[in-house]
Amino acid sequence: MYREKDSFIFILLFFVLLPYLMTVLILGRKACPLSRDTSLEEYVPAVTASQISWDSGKEAIKVQTLAARSSLYSQKKKDEETAMIQEAVNYMRNKNMDSTMLEKYQVFWEAARETEGQVLKQNGEIKEIPFHAVSGGKTREGKEVLGEEYGYISSADTSKDIDSPEYVKGCYFTGEELEKKIKEKYSGFSTDEEITAEIKSTDSAGYVMEIQIGNQEFQGEEIRAILDLPSSCFTVQKLEGEIRFLCRGQGHGFGISQYTVQQMALEGKKYEEILQYFFPELTIESLDGTEMESVREP
């Protein structure tokens, strides 16, 4: 009875507030007389909803909520939060928000409310929290790949991801297809009559750092974008006249693996424990700097 009443109130509030939120998102926060900090918190549920499956369990959604909030406030300090917000509003515009979807969205709202103001910090500084759908079995070391500034992004064992149906995918290209895709970005690209591809280096998690194709060297993430590969954690083989990129995982491989988070949550682990597993160098604190010691219940 109370659950049905809460759901009705939520749906009513959602439709009442939606025009306001859209106005702020489209015209900017100056269009409405709310403080910048207060309005940012209002975006957290929508940003989170645009980043994770709506079928995720609540504890996994709380993990993503802290990742979204931390990244949002971190980017705000550099006046770069608009892109995240715009991406979220575009996502929500294209979502068919019937009563069933509104019920699901309520979980995002609850997760934001129950963790209100909680962010991940290192030495008092809010950090951006990267995430991806599925890893290659181990997440990547930030310092190794991105530099000292990203040393807080630790490598974690995510071997649970091997069980994901999205863990492995083979992507096949003929020589002509490969050349055409690369030339769309690099018009000077050329190759021998028989196209070749050779991995030059990988990081400690097995993600490709450099690969030689024809007369050009590419970074792993660059060739992933050019060829629309699910991951830069791949091997390359020539099979029956085609080049096969056998990819493991989905996404860049840094930070949170959402599949492993889901499995940890199913095992009964709480969001604080899950976040500490992925980011042992960070602490969960409130925006005003108070370290959080317990879960905030509704």
Protein backbone atom coordinates (compact mmCIF):
# COMPACT_ATOMS: atom_id res chain seq x y z
CA MET A 1 0.00 0.00 0.00
CA TYR A 2 2.70 2.47 1.03
CA ARG A 3 4.88 1.41 -1.89
CA GLU A 4 2.05 2.12 -4.32
CA LYS A 5 1.47 5.51 -2.70
CA ASP A 6 5.19 6.36 -2.91
CA SER A 7 5.27 5.31 -6.56
CA PHE A 8 2.26 7.49 -7.37
CA ILE A 9 3.82 10.49 -5.62
CA PHE A 10 7.12 9.92 -7.43
CA ILE A 11 5.44 9.70 -10.85
CA LEU A 12 3.45 12.86 -10.11
CA LEU A 13 6.56 14.74 -9.00
CA PHE A 14 8.49 13.49 -12.02
CA PHE A 15 5.98 14.97 -14.45
CA VAL A 16 5.72 18.20 -12.44
CA LEU A 17 9.49 18.67 -12.31
CA LEU A 18 10.31 17.44 -15.81
CA PRO A 19 9.57 20.78 -17.56
CA TYR A 20 11.76 22.56 -14.99
CA LEU A 21 14.61 20.10 -15.43
CA MET A 22 14.41 20.35 -19.22
CA THR A 23 14.46 24.15 -19.00
CA VAL A 24 17.57 24.08 -16.85
CA LEU A 25 19.27 21.50 -19.05
CA ILE A 26 18.54 23.35 -22.27
CA LEU A 27 18.93 26.98 -21.14
CA GLY A 28 21.41 26.52 -18.33
CA ARG A 29 21.20 26.87 -14.57
CA LYS A 30 20.94 30.66 -14.76
CA ALA A 31 17.43 30.18 -16.14
CA CYS A 32 16.22 29.08 -12.69
CA PRO A 33 16.86 30.64 -9.28
CA LEU A 34 18.61 27.64 -7.68
CA SER A 35 22.20 27.50 -6.52
CA ARG A 36 24.64 25.72 -8.79
CA ASP A 37 25.45 23.03 -6.22
CA THR A 38 21.80 22.29 -5.43
CA SER A 39 20.85 21.96 -9.09
CA LEU A 40 23.76 19.63 -9.84
CA GLU A 41 22.47 17.10 -7.31
CA GLU A 42 19.13 17.13 -9.12
CA TYR A 43 20.83 15.83 -12.27
CA VAL A 44 22.46 12.82 -10.58
CA PRO A 45 19.60 10.31 -11.10
CA ALA A 46 19.31 11.11 -14.81
CA VAL A 47 23.07 11.01 -15.36
CA THR A 48 23.25 7.66 -13.58
CA ALA A 49 20.31 6.31 -15.58
CA SER A 50 22.12 7.16 -18.82
CA GLN A 51 25.19 5.16 -17.76
CA ILE A 52 23.92 1.77 -16.57
CA SER A 53 21.30 -0.85 -17.43
CA TRP A 54 17.91 -0.09 -15.91
CA ASP A 55 17.63 -3.75 -14.93
CA SER A 56 20.57 -3.41 -12.53
CA GLY A 57 20.11 -4.10 -8.84
CA LYS A 58 19.88 -1.20 -6.43
CA GLU A 59 23.33 -1.72 -4.88
CA ALA A 60 24.95 -1.66 -8.33
CA ILE A 61 22.97 1.48 -9.12
CA LYS A 62 24.31 3.08 -5.93
CA VAL A 63 27.85 2.31 -7.08
CA GLN A 64 27.12 4.00 -10.41
CA THR A 65 25.41 6.89 -8.61
CA LEU A 66 28.58 7.72 -6.68
CA ALA A 67 30.62 7.40 -9.87
CA ALA A 68 28.25 9.76 -11.69
CA ARG A 69 28.10 12.29 -8.85
CA SER A 70 31.87 12.29 -8.34
CA SER A 71 32.56 12.80 -12.04
CA LEU A 72 29.88 15.49 -12.30
CA TYR A 73 31.29 17.54 -9.41
CA SER A 74 34.88 16.95 -10.52
CA GLN A 75 34.06 18.26 -13.98
CA LYS A 76 32.16 21.18 -12.48
CA LYS A 77 35.42 22.47 -11.01
CA LYS A 78 36.74 22.70 -14.57
CA ASP A 79 33.44 24.05 -15.96
CA GLU A 80 33.12 20.88 -18.05
CA GLU A 81 30.00 19.31 -16.55
CA THR A 82 27.68 20.46 -19.35
CA ALA A 83 28.58 17.56 -21.66
CA MET A 84 27.60 14.96 -19.06
CA ILE A 85 24.33 16.73 -18.37
CA GLN A 86 23.51 17.17 -22.05
CA GLU A 87 24.22 13.50 -22.74
CA ALA A 88 21.85 12.55 -19.93
CA VAL A 89 19.02 14.79 -21.12
CA ASN A 90 19.39 13.52 -24.70
CA TYR A 91 19.19 9.98 -23.36
CA MET A 92 16.05 10.75 -21.33
CA ARG A 93 14.40 12.51 -24.27
CA ASN A 94 14.76 9.35 -26.34
CA LYS A 95 13.53 7.04 -23.58
CA ASN A 96 9.93 5.87 -23.74
CA MET A 97 8.90 6.91 -20.22
CA ASP A 98 5.72 4.90 -19.73
CA SER A 99 4.52 3.88 -16.26
CA THR A 100 6.77 0.80 -16.20
CA MET A 101 9.86 2.83 -17.03
CA LEU A 102 8.91 5.47 -14.46
CA GLU A 103 8.75 2.72 -11.83
CA LYS A 104 12.26 1.65 -12.84
CA TYR A 105 13.50 5.24 -12.81
CA GLN A 106 12.34 5.56 -9.21
CA VAL A 107 15.23 3.27 -8.18
CA PHE A 108 17.71 5.81 -9.58
CA TRP A 109 15.99 8.58 -7.66
CA GLU A 110 16.05 6.50 -4.45
CA ALA A 111 19.73 5.60 -4.92
CA ALA A 112 20.60 9.29 -5.30
CA ARG A 113 18.54 10.24 -2.25
CA GLU A 114 20.03 7.49 -0.05
CA THR A 115 23.59 8.48 -1.00
CA GLU A 116 22.94 12.21 -1.29
CA GLY A 117 26.13 14.27 -1.35
CA GLN A 118 28.48 11.27 -1.25
CA VAL A 119 31.50 11.41 -3.55
CA LEU A 120 34.88 9.71 -3.93
CA LYS A 121 37.90 11.76 -2.88
CA GLN A 122 41.66 11.56 -2.54
CA ASN A 123 43.28 14.03 -0.16
CA GLY A 124 40.12 16.13 -0.19
CA GLU A 125 39.86 16.29 -3.99
CA ILE A 126 36.84 14.85 -5.78
CA LYS A 127 37.95 12.42 -8.48
CA GLU A 128 36.44 11.47 -11.82
CA ILE A 129 35.37 7.84 -11.77
CA PRO A 130 35.69 5.95 -15.06
CA PHE A 131 33.58 2.89 -15.79
CA HIS A 132 32.97 0.37 -18.54
CA ALA A 133 30.53 -2.47 -19.22
CA VAL A 134 32.84 -5.50 -19.21
CA SER A 135 36.60 -5.78 -18.70
CA GLY A 136 39.07 -8.14 -20.33
CA GLY A 137 39.38 -9.97 -17.00
CA LYS A 138 41.43 -7.31 -15.25
CA THR A 139 40.94 -3.55 -15.10
CA ARG A 140 43.70 -1.21 -16.27
CA GLU A 141 46.23 0.68 -14.18
CA GLY A 142 45.66 4.42 -14.52
CA LYS A 143 49.21 5.49 -13.73
CA GLU A 144 50.71 3.03 -16.22
CA VAL A 145 48.60 4.18 -19.15
CA LEU A 146 47.41 7.72 -18.39
CA GLY A 147 50.13 9.08 -16.13
CA GLU A 148 50.73 10.06 -12.50
CA GLU A 149 47.55 12.15 -12.27
CA TYR A 150 45.47 8.99 -12.64
CA GLY A 151 47.33 6.90 -10.10
CA TYR A 152 44.13 6.56 -8.06
CA ILE A 153 42.70 4.27 -10.78
CA SER A 154 43.93 0.89 -9.59
CA SER A 155 43.99 -2.40 -11.44
CA ALA A 156 41.52 -4.94 -10.05
CA ASP A 157 40.87 -8.61 -10.68
CA THR A 158 37.62 -8.78 -12.63
CA SER A 159 37.77 -12.40 -13.74
CA LYS A 160 34.02 -12.64 -13.07
CA ASP A 161 33.63 -10.81 -16.38
CA ILE A 162 34.64 -13.97 -18.25
CA ASP A 163 31.10 -15.24 -17.60
CA SER A 164 29.50 -12.24 -19.31
CA PRO A 165 27.83 -13.00 -22.68
CA GLU A 166 29.54 -9.82 -23.91
CA TYR A 167 33.03 -10.95 -22.90
CA VAL A 168 34.33 -12.10 -26.31
CA LYS A 169 33.54 -10.86 -29.78
CA GLY A 170 35.30 -11.47 -33.09
CA CYS A 171 35.38 -8.57 -35.56
CA TYR A 172 36.34 -9.46 -39.15
CA PHE A 173 37.54 -7.17 -41.94
CA THR A 174 38.73 -7.75 -45.46
CA GLY A 175 41.81 -5.82 -46.51
CA GLU A 176 39.61 -3.46 -48.53
CA GLU A 177 37.26 -2.82 -45.61
CA LEU A 178 40.14 -2.16 -43.25
CA GLU A 179 41.81 0.24 -45.67
CA LYS A 180 38.55 2.10 -46.34
CA LYS A 181 37.79 2.63 -42.64
CA ILE A 182 41.30 3.85 -41.84
CA LYS A 183 41.43 6.16 -44.87
CA GLU A 184 38.28 7.92 -43.65
CA LYS A 185 40.49 9.38 -40.93
CA TYR A 186 43.95 9.12 -42.47
CA SER A 187 43.83 9.78 -46.20
CA GLY A 188 47.55 9.02 -46.54
CA PHE A 189 47.20 5.50 -45.20
CA SER A 190 48.62 2.81 -47.46
CA THR A 191 49.49 -0.85 -47.23
CA ASP A 192 51.16 -3.57 -49.21
CA GLU A 193 49.10 -5.68 -51.57
CA GLU A 194 48.59 -8.06 -48.65
CA ILE A 195 47.50 -6.05 -45.62
CA THR A 196 49.28 -6.76 -42.35
CA ALA A 197 48.56 -5.93 -38.73
CA GLU A 198 50.99 -6.37 -35.85
CA ILE A 199 50.53 -5.54 -32.17
CA LYS A 200 53.60 -3.66 -30.93
CA SER A 201 52.82 -3.33 -27.22
CA THR A 202 50.17 -3.98 -24.58
CA ASP A 203 49.68 -2.79 -21.01
CA SER A 204 49.75 -5.05 -17.95
CA ALA A 205 46.01 -5.80 -18.30
CA GLY A 206 46.44 -6.99 -21.90
CA TYR A 207 45.00 -3.94 -23.65
CA VAL A 208 46.74 -2.91 -26.86
CA MET A 209 48.85 0.23 -26.53
CA GLU A 210 50.29 0.31 -30.06
CA ILE A 211 49.52 -1.57 -33.26
CA GLN A 212 51.08 -1.33 -36.73
CA ILE A 213 48.72 -1.60 -39.70
CA GLY A 214 50.19 -1.00 -43.12
CA ASN A 215 52.43 2.08 -43.00
CA GLN A 216 50.84 3.53 -39.87
CA GLU A 217 51.08 3.03 -36.12
CA PHE A 218 47.96 3.50 -34.01
CA GLN A 219 47.20 3.63 -30.31
CA GLY A 220 44.92 0.84 -29.18
CA GLU A 221 42.02 3.12 -28.24
CA GLU A 222 42.41 4.99 -31.51
CA ILE A 223 42.08 1.89 -33.70
CA ARG A 224 39.22 0.73 -31.50
CA ALA A 225 37.34 3.95 -32.36
CA ILE A 226 38.21 3.81 -36.07
CA LEU A 227 37.07 0.19 -36.47
CA ASP A 228 34.25 0.43 -33.91
CA LEU A 229 35.67 -2.44 -31.86
CA PRO A 230 34.08 -3.22 -28.48
CA SER A 231 37.46 -3.09 -26.73
CA SER A 232 41.16 -2.45 -27.29
CA CYS A 233 41.90 -5.70 -25.43
CA PHE A 234 42.33 -7.81 -28.54
CA THR A 235 44.52 -10.18 -30.53
CA VAL A 236 44.92 -10.03 -34.31
CA GLN A 237 44.97 -12.93 -36.73
CA LYS A 238 44.67 -13.42 -40.46
CA LEU A 239 42.02 -16.04 -41.23
CA GLU A 240 40.94 -17.06 -44.74
CA GLY A 241 41.76 -13.73 -46.32
CA GLU A 242 40.32 -11.62 -43.50
CA ILE A 243 41.84 -9.87 -40.50
CA ARG A 244 40.20 -10.93 -37.24
CA PHE A 245 40.27 -8.75 -34.13
CA LEU A 246 39.30 -11.05 -31.26
CA CYS A 247 38.17 -8.60 -28.58
CA ARG A 248 37.71 -9.24 -24.88
CA GLY A 249 35.42 -6.96 -22.89
CA GLN A 250 33.43 -3.84 -23.75
CA GLY A 251 34.78 -0.36 -23.14
CA HIS A 252 38.11 1.23 -22.25
CA GLY A 253 38.85 -1.04 -19.26
CA PHE A 254 39.54 1.68 -16.66
CA GLY A 255 37.88 1.92 -13.25
CA ILE A 256 34.58 0.18 -12.58
CA SER A 257 33.59 -2.95 -14.47
CA GLN A 258 29.80 -2.87 -14.34
CA TYR A 259 29.46 -6.62 -14.86
CA THR A 260 31.72 -7.40 -11.90
CA VAL A 261 29.84 -4.82 -9.82
CA GLN A 262 26.58 -6.63 -10.58
CA GLN A 263 28.08 -9.97 -9.52
CA MET A 264 29.51 -8.52 -6.31
CA ALA A 265 26.13 -6.98 -5.49
CA LEU A 266 24.41 -10.32 -6.08
CA GLU A 267 26.84 -11.82 -3.55
CA GLY A 268 25.49 -9.36 -0.98
CA LYS A 269 28.28 -6.79 -1.03
CA LYS A 270 27.30 -3.18 -0.33
CA TYR A 271 28.21 -0.24 -2.52
CA GLU A 272 30.89 1.03 -0.11
CA GLU A 273 32.73 -2.30 -0.18
CA ILE A 274 32.47 -2.55 -3.96
CA LEU A 275 33.85 0.95 -4.48
CA GLN A 276 36.71 0.30 -2.06
CA TYR A 277 37.56 -2.84 -4.05
CA PHE A 278 37.93 -0.86 -7.27
CA PHE A 279 39.39 2.31 -5.72
CA PRO A 280 41.41 1.44 -2.58
CA GLU A 281 43.17 4.83 -2.78
CA LEU A 282 39.91 6.78 -2.46
CA THR A 283 37.48 7.42 0.39
CA ILE A 284 33.75 8.00 0.33
CA GLU A 285 33.13 11.46 1.75
CA SER A 286 30.39 14.05 1.73
CA LEU A 287 30.77 17.08 -0.48
CA ASP A 288 31.67 19.15 2.59
CA GLY A 289 34.53 16.78 3.44
CA THR A 290 33.01 14.54 6.12
CA GLU A 291 34.01 10.89 5.73
CA MET A 292 30.97 8.62 5.44
CA GLU A 293 30.90 5.81 7.99
CA SER A 294 27.52 4.21 7.34
CA VAL A 295 24.91 3.72 4.66
CA ARG A 296 22.20 6.35 4.56
CA GLU A 297 18.85 4.58 4.57
CA PRO A 298 15.61 6.09 3.27
